[in-house]
PDB file of N, CA and C in Angstrom:
ATOM      1  N   MET A   1      67.907 113.403  87.712  1.00  0.00           N
ATOM      2  CA  MET A   1      69.332 113.302  87.495  1.00  0.00           C
ATOM      3  C   MET A   1      69.828 113.622  85.711  1.00  0.00           C
ATOM      4  N   THR A   2      70.202 114.931  85.862  1.00  0.00           N
ATOM      5  CA  THR A   2      70.917 115.841  84.454  1.00  0.00           C
ATOM      6  C   THR A   2      71.948 115.268  83.806  1.00  0.00           C
ATOM      7  N   ARG A   3      72.180 115.270  82.405  1.00  0.00           N
ATOM      8  CA  ARG A   3      73.082 114.788  81.374  1.00  0.00           C
ATOM      9  C   ARG A   3      74.385 114.892  82.572  1.00  0.00           C
ATOM     10  N   PRO A   4      75.056 114.152  83.010  1.00  0.00           N
ATOM     11  CA  PRO A   4      76.499 114.174  83.451  1.00  0.00           C
ATOM     12  C   PRO A   4      77.455 114.745  82.182  1.00  0.00           C
ATOM     13  N   SER A   5      78.034 115.686  83.082  1.00  0.00           N
ATOM     14  CA  SER A   5      79.505 116.327  81.631  1.00  0.00           C
ATOM     15  C   SER A   5      80.285 115.335  82.241  1.00  0.00           C
ATOM     16  N   PRO A   6      81.383 115.728  81.178  1.00  0.00           N
ATOM     17  CA  PRO A   6      82.858 115.243  81.113  1.00  0.00           C
ATOM     18  C   PRO A   6      83.320 114.906  82.304  1.00  0.00           C
ATOM     19  N   LYS A   7      83.369 116.037  82.908  1.00  0.00           N
ATOM     20  CA  LYS A   7      83.845 116.826  84.774  1.00  0.00           C
ATOM     21  C   LYS A   7      83.355 115.673  85.302  1.00  0.00           C
ATOM     22  N   ASP A   8      81.860 115.740  85.259  1.00  0.00           N
ATOM     23  CA  ASP A   8      81.074 114.597  86.156  1.00  0.00           C
ATOM     24  C   ASP A   8      81.367 113.555  86.502  1.00  0.00           C
ATOM     25  N   ILE A   9      81.791 113.007  85.222  1.00  0.00           N
ATOM     26  CA  ILE A   9      81.929 111.643  84.678  1.00  0.00           C
ATOM     27  C   ILE A   9      83.309 111.036  85.443  1.00  0.00           C
ATOM     28  N   LYS A  10      84.439 112.133  85.412  1.00  0.00           N
ATOM     29  CA  LYS A  10      85.883 111.840  85.610  1.00  0.00           C
ATOM     30  C   LYS A  10      85.820 111.762  87.113  1.00  0.00           C
ATOM     31  N   ALA A  11      85.077 112.267  87.747  1.00  0.00           N
ATOM     32  CA  ALA A  11      84.952 112.565  89.546  1.00  0.00           C
ATOM     33  C   ALA A  11      84.081 111.430  89.574  1.00  0.00           C
ATOM     34  N   MET A  12      83.185 110.408  88.953  1.00  0.00           N
ATOM     35  CA  MET A  12      82.591 109.840  89.267  1.00  0.00           C
ATOM     36  C   MET A  12      83.539 108.463  89.758  1.00  0.00           C
ATOM     37  N   ALA A  13      84.194 108.568  88.073  1.00  0.00           N
ATOM     38  CA  ALA A  13      85.122 107.168  88.025  1.00  0.00           C
ATOM     39  C   ALA A  13      86.193 107.810  88.843  1.00  0.00           C
ATOM     40  N   GLU A  14      86.978 108.449  89.442  1.00  0.00           N
ATOM     41  CA  GLU A  14      88.063 108.678  90.169  1.00  0.00           C
ATOM     42  C   GLU A  14      87.188 108.207  91.329  1.00  0.00           C
ATOM     43  N   THR A  15      86.183 108.871  91.909  1.00  0.00           N
ATOM     44  CA  THR A  15      85.588 108.162  93.383  1.00  0.00           C
ATOM     45  C   THR A  15      85.238 106.629  93.589  1.00  0.00           C
ATOM     46  N   SER A  16      85.072 106.210  92.448  1.00  0.00           N
ATOM     47  CA  SER A  16      84.996 105.003  91.925  1.00  0.00           C
ATOM     48  C   SER A  16      86.195 103.662  92.235  1.00  0.00           C
ATOM     49  N   GLY A  17      87.219 104.692  92.238  1.00  0.00           N
ATOM     50  CA  GLY A  17      88.418 104.124  92.216  1.00  0.00           C
ATOM     51  C   GLY A  17      88.965 103.143  90.836  1.00  0.00           C
ATOM     52  N   VAL A  18      88.506 103.893  89.696  1.00  0.00           N
ATOM     53  CA  VAL A  18      89.001 103.868  88.315  1.00  0.00           C
ATOM     54  C   VAL A  18      89.428 104.992  87.673  1.00  0.00           C
ATOM     55  N   PRO A  19      90.369 105.413  87.684  1.00  0.00           N
ATOM     56  CA  PRO A  19      90.296 106.969  86.983  1.00  0.00           C
ATOM     57  C   PRO A  19      90.609 107.063  85.299  1.00  0.00           C
ATOM     58  N   VAL A  20      89.854 107.874  85.217  1.00  0.00           N
ATOM     59  CA  VAL A  20      90.079 107.901  83.946  1.00  0.00           C
ATOM     60  C   VAL A  20      90.670 109.331  83.122  1.00  0.00           C
ATOM     61  N   GLU A  21      90.957 109.183  82.001  1.00  0.00           N
ATOM     62  CA  GLU A  21      91.628 110.771  81.110  1.00  0.00           C
ATOM     63  C   GLU A  21      90.331 111.084  80.728  1.00  0.00           C
ATOM     64  N   ALA A  22      90.549 112.653  80.487  1.00  0.00           N
ATOM     65  CA  ALA A  22      89.354 113.693  80.050  1.00  0.00           C
ATOM     66  C   ALA A  22      88.944 112.978  78.495  1.00  0.00           C
ATOM     67  N   ASN A  23      89.799 112.134  78.068  1.00  0.00           N
ATOM     68  CA  ASN A  23      88.975 111.795  76.788  1.00  0.00           C
ATOM     69  C   ASN A  23      88.465 110.876  76.759  1.00  0.00           C
ATOM     70  N   VAL A  24      88.128 109.839  77.860  1.00  0.00           N
ATOM     71  CA  VAL A  24      87.577 108.914  77.680  1.00  0.00           C
ATOM     72  C   VAL A  24      86.482 109.142  78.351  1.00  0.00           C
ATOM     73  N   ALA A  25      86.309 110.272  79.833  1.00  0.00           N
ATOM     74  CA  ALA A  25      85.425 110.872  80.201  1.00  0.00           C
ATOM     75  C   ALA A  25      84.086 111.349  79.158  1.00  0.00           C
ATOM     76  N   GLU A  26      84.510 112.446  78.073  1.00  0.00           N
ATOM     77  CA  GLU A  26      84.166 112.589  77.155  1.00  0.00           C
ATOM     78  C   GLU A  26      83.477 111.977  76.445  1.00  0.00           C
ATOM     79  N   ARG A  27      84.017 110.714  76.240  1.00  0.00           N
ATOM     80  CA  ARG A  27      83.202 109.678  75.299  1.00  0.00           C
ATOM     81  C   ARG A  27      82.594 108.914  76.025  1.00  0.00           C
ATOM     82  N   ILE A  28      82.440 108.715  76.935  1.00  0.00           N
ATOM     83  CA  ILE A  28      81.735 108.441  78.078  1.00  0.00           C
ATOM     84  C   ILE A  28      80.055 109.144  78.337  1.00  0.00           C
ATOM     85  N   ALA A  29      80.525 110.355  78.350  1.00  0.00           N
ATOM     86  CA  ALA A  29      79.226 111.228  78.294  1.00  0.00           C
ATOM     87  C   ALA A  29      78.685 111.248  77.348  1.00  0.00           C
ATOM     88  N   ASN A  30      79.654 111.376  76.366  1.00  0.00           N
ATOM     89  CA  ASN A  30      78.776 111.409  74.436  1.00  0.00           C
ATOM     90  C   ASN A  30      78.008 110.107  74.676  1.00  0.00           C
ATOM     91  N   SER A  31      78.430 108.977  75.095  1.00  0.00           N
ATOM     92  CA  SER A  31      77.730 107.792  75.120  1.00  0.00           C
ATOM     93  C   SER A  31      76.728 107.309  75.754  1.00  0.00           C
ATOM     94  N   ILE A  32      76.523 107.973  77.174  1.00  0.00           N
ATOM     95  CA  ILE A  32      75.416 107.848  77.680  1.00  0.00           C
ATOM     96  C   ILE A  32      74.434 108.804  77.592  1.00  0.00           C
ATOM     97  N   GLY A  33      74.643 109.951  77.369  1.00  0.00           N
ATOM     98  CA  GLY A  33      73.884 111.285  77.028  1.00  0.00           C
ATOM     99  C   GLY A  33      72.357 111.063  76.502  1.00  0.00           C
ATOM    100  N   PRO A  34      72.422 110.377  75.592  1.00  0.00           N
ATOM    101  CA  PRO A  34      71.170 110.035  75.109  1.00  0.00           C
ATOM    102  C   PRO A  34      70.019 109.116  76.296  1.00  0.00           C
ATOM    103  N   ALA A  35      70.795 108.305  76.656  1.00  0.00           N
ATOM    104  CA  ALA A  35      69.628 107.797  78.077  1.00  0.00           C
ATOM    105  C   ALA A  35      69.114 109.021  79.009  1.00  0.00           C
ATOM    106  N   PHE A  36      70.369 109.357  79.568  1.00  0.00           N
ATOM    107  CA  PHE A  36      69.636 110.385  80.238  1.00  0.00           C
ATOM    108  C   PHE A  36      68.520 111.128  79.727  1.00  0.00           C
ATOM    109  N   GLU A  37      68.677 111.463  78.693  1.00  0.00           N
ATOM    110  CA  GLU A  37      67.658 112.709  77.950  1.00  0.00           C
ATOM    111  C   GLU A  37      66.165 111.604  77.259  1.00  0.00           C
ATOM    112  N   GLY A  38      66.581 110.634  77.449  1.00  0.00           N
ATOM    113  CA  GLY A  38      65.686 109.978  77.078  1.00  0.00           C
ATOM    114  C   GLY A  38      64.741 109.253  78.059  1.00  0.00           C
ATOM    115  N   PHE A  39      65.212 109.232  79.600  1.00  0.00           N
ATOM    116  CA  PHE A  39      64.744 108.929  80.446  1.00  0.00           C
ATOM    117  C   PHE A  39      64.273 110.183  81.654  1.00  0.00           C
ATOM    118  N   SER A  40      64.636 110.878  80.688  1.00  0.00           N
ATOM    119  CA  SER A  40      64.405 112.844  81.492  1.00  0.00           C
ATOM    120  C   SER A  40      62.855 112.935  82.063  1.00  0.00           C
ATOM    121  N   ALA A  41      61.950 112.419  80.812  1.00  0.00           N
ATOM    122  CA  ALA A  41      60.901 112.453  81.403  1.00  0.00           C
ATOM    123  C   ALA A  41      59.992 111.651  82.570  1.00  0.00           C
ATOM    124  N   ILE A  42      60.901 110.495  82.988  1.00  0.00           N
ATOM    125  CA  ILE A  42      60.358 109.796  84.282  1.00  0.00           C
ATOM    126  C   ILE A  42      61.928 109.572  85.191  1.00  0.00           C
ATOM    127  N   ALA A  43      62.396 110.565  84.894  1.00  0.00           N
ATOM    128  CA  ALA A  43      63.117 110.746  86.092  1.00  0.00           C
ATOM    129  C   ALA A  43      62.876 110.693  87.699  1.00  0.00           C
ATOM    130  N   GLY A  44      63.204 109.966  88.332  1.00  0.00           N
ATOM    131  CA  GLY A  44      63.111 110.156  89.870  1.00  0.00           C
ATOM    132  C   GLY A  44      61.808 108.909  90.073  1.00  0.00           C
ATOM    133  N   THR A  45      60.953 108.378  88.921  1.00  0.00           N
ATOM    134  CA  THR A  45      60.238 107.517  89.123  1.00  0.00           C
ATOM    135  C   THR A  45      60.808 105.861  88.901  1.00  0.00           C
ATOM    136  N   LEU A  46      61.842 105.914  88.811  1.00  0.00           N
ATOM    137  CA  LEU A  46      62.297 104.329  88.597  1.00  0.00           C
ATOM    138  C   LEU A  46      63.305 104.203  89.645  1.00  0.00           C
ATOM    139  N   PRO A  47      63.268 102.735  90.165  1.00  0.00           N
ATOM    140  CA  PRO A  47      63.871 102.071  91.034  1.00  0.00           C
ATOM    141  C   PRO A  47      65.555 101.784  91.398  1.00  0.00           C
ATOM    142  N   PHE A  48      66.287 102.918  89.824  1.00  0.00           N
ATOM    143  CA  PHE A  48      67.410 102.633  89.793  1.00  0.00           C
ATOM    144  C   PHE A  48      67.825 104.222  89.127  1.00  0.00           C
ATOM    145  N   ASP A  49      69.202 104.630  89.476  1.00  0.00           N
ATOM    146  CA  ASP A  49      69.472 105.719  88.754  1.00  0.00           C
ATOM    147  C   ASP A  49      70.745 104.929  88.075  1.00  0.00           C
ATOM    148  N   LEU A  50      71.056 105.673  87.080  1.00  0.00           N
ATOM    149  CA  LEU A  50      72.339 105.608  85.637  1.00  0.00           C
ATOM    150  C   LEU A  50      73.591 106.445  86.879  1.00  0.00           C
ATOM    151  N   GLU A  51      74.349 105.315  86.451  1.00  0.00           N
ATOM    152  CA  GLU A  51      75.681 105.823  86.956  1.00  0.00           C
ATOM    153  C   GLU A  51      76.850 105.254  86.299  1.00  0.00           C
ATOM    154  N   PRO A  52      77.199 106.216  85.362  1.00  0.00           N
ATOM    155  CA  PRO A  52      78.245 106.028  84.700  1.00  0.00           C
ATOM    156  C   PRO A  52      79.285 105.853  85.143  1.00  0.00           C
ATOM    157  N   ALA A  53      80.293 105.561  86.126  1.00  0.00           N
ATOM    158  CA  ALA A  53      81.318 104.885  86.695  1.00  0.00           C
ATOM    159  C   ALA A  53      81.143 103.464  86.878  1.00  0.00           C
ATOM    160  N   SER A  54      80.047 102.993  87.521  1.00  0.00           N
ATOM    161  CA  SER A  54      79.847 101.242  86.850  1.00  0.00           C
ATOM    162  C   SER A  54      80.383 100.956  85.369  1.00  0.00           C
ATOM    163  N   PHE A  55      79.669 101.807  84.215  1.00  0.00           N
ATOM    164  CA  PHE A  55      79.872 101.286  83.380  1.00  0.00           C
ATOM    165  C   PHE A  55      81.624 100.997  83.249  1.00  0.00           C
ATOM    166  N   LEU A  56      82.313 101.816  83.661  1.00  0.00           N
ATOM    167  CA  LEU A  56      83.889 101.570  83.363  1.00  0.00           C
ATOM    168  C   LEU A  56      84.541 100.752  84.430  1.00  0.00           C
ATOM    169  N   LEU A  57      83.963 100.605  85.308  1.00  0.00           N
ATOM    170  CA  LEU A  57      84.187  99.606  86.180  1.00  0.00           C
ATOM    171  C   LEU A  57      84.098  98.094  85.822  1.00  0.00           C
ATOM    172  N   ALA A  58      82.742  98.036  85.426  1.00  0.00           N
ATOM    173  CA  ALA A  58      82.414  96.702  84.606  1.00  0.00           C
ATOM    174  C   ALA A  58      83.240  96.368  83.749  1.00  0.00           C
ATOM    175  N   GLN A  59      83.853  97.488  82.833  1.00  0.00           N
ATOM    176  CA  GLN A  59      84.833  97.042  81.238  1.00  0.00           C
ATOM    177  C   GLN A  59      86.066  96.818  82.122  1.00  0.00           C
ATOM    178  N   VAL A  60      86.552  97.100  83.421  1.00  0.00           N
ATOM    179  CA  VAL A  60      87.895  97.166  83.858  1.00  0.00           C
ATOM    180  C   VAL A  60      87.971  95.678  84.072  1.00  0.00           C
ATOM    181  N   LEU A  61      86.940  95.213  85.272  1.00  0.00           N
ATOM    182  CA  LEU A  61      86.767  93.800  85.506  1.00  0.00           C
ATOM    183  C   LEU A  61      86.631  92.886  84.488  1.00  0.00           C
ATOM    184  N   GLU A  62      85.882  93.325  83.553  1.00  0.00           N
ATOM    185  CA  GLU A  62      85.827  92.148  82.276  1.00  0.00           C
ATOM    186  C   GLU A  62      87.059  91.832  81.390  1.00  0.00           C
ATOM    187  N   ALA A  63      87.992  93.006  81.422  1.00  0.00           N
ATOM    188  CA  ALA A  63      88.794  92.824  80.819  1.00  0.00           C
ATOM    189  C   ALA A  63      90.024  92.221  81.486  1.00  0.00           C
ATOM    190  N   GLY A  64      89.959  92.204  82.919  1.00  0.00           N
ATOM    191  CA  GLY A  64      91.091  91.475  83.613  1.00  0.00           C
ATOM    192  C   GLY A  64      90.864  90.249  83.904  1.00  0.00           C
ATOM    193  N   LYS A  65      89.572  89.412  83.251  1.00  0.00           N
ATOM    194  CA  LYS A  65      89.222  87.984  83.309  1.00  0.00           C
ATOM    195  C   LYS A  65      90.096  87.211  82.635  1.00  0.00           C
TER     196      LYS A  65
END
C-alpha cells in the first residue's frame, strides 16, 4: 500500500463511520506517512495492513469512556 493522501484518509474515516474535517485528515496523513514509508520495503509480507481509520476510531472510543 502506498502512503495515503488526506483525501484517502477522509474517505476511509467516513467509510468507518467517523467523518473527519480536511485539516484532521491532513494531520493524520502527515502522522502516519512515515510508517508507510518505513514499511514500504516489506509491504505485502506482513500479516496486517496499516489502516488510518482505525486510529481515529480508537481515539473516538477512548474519548467516550
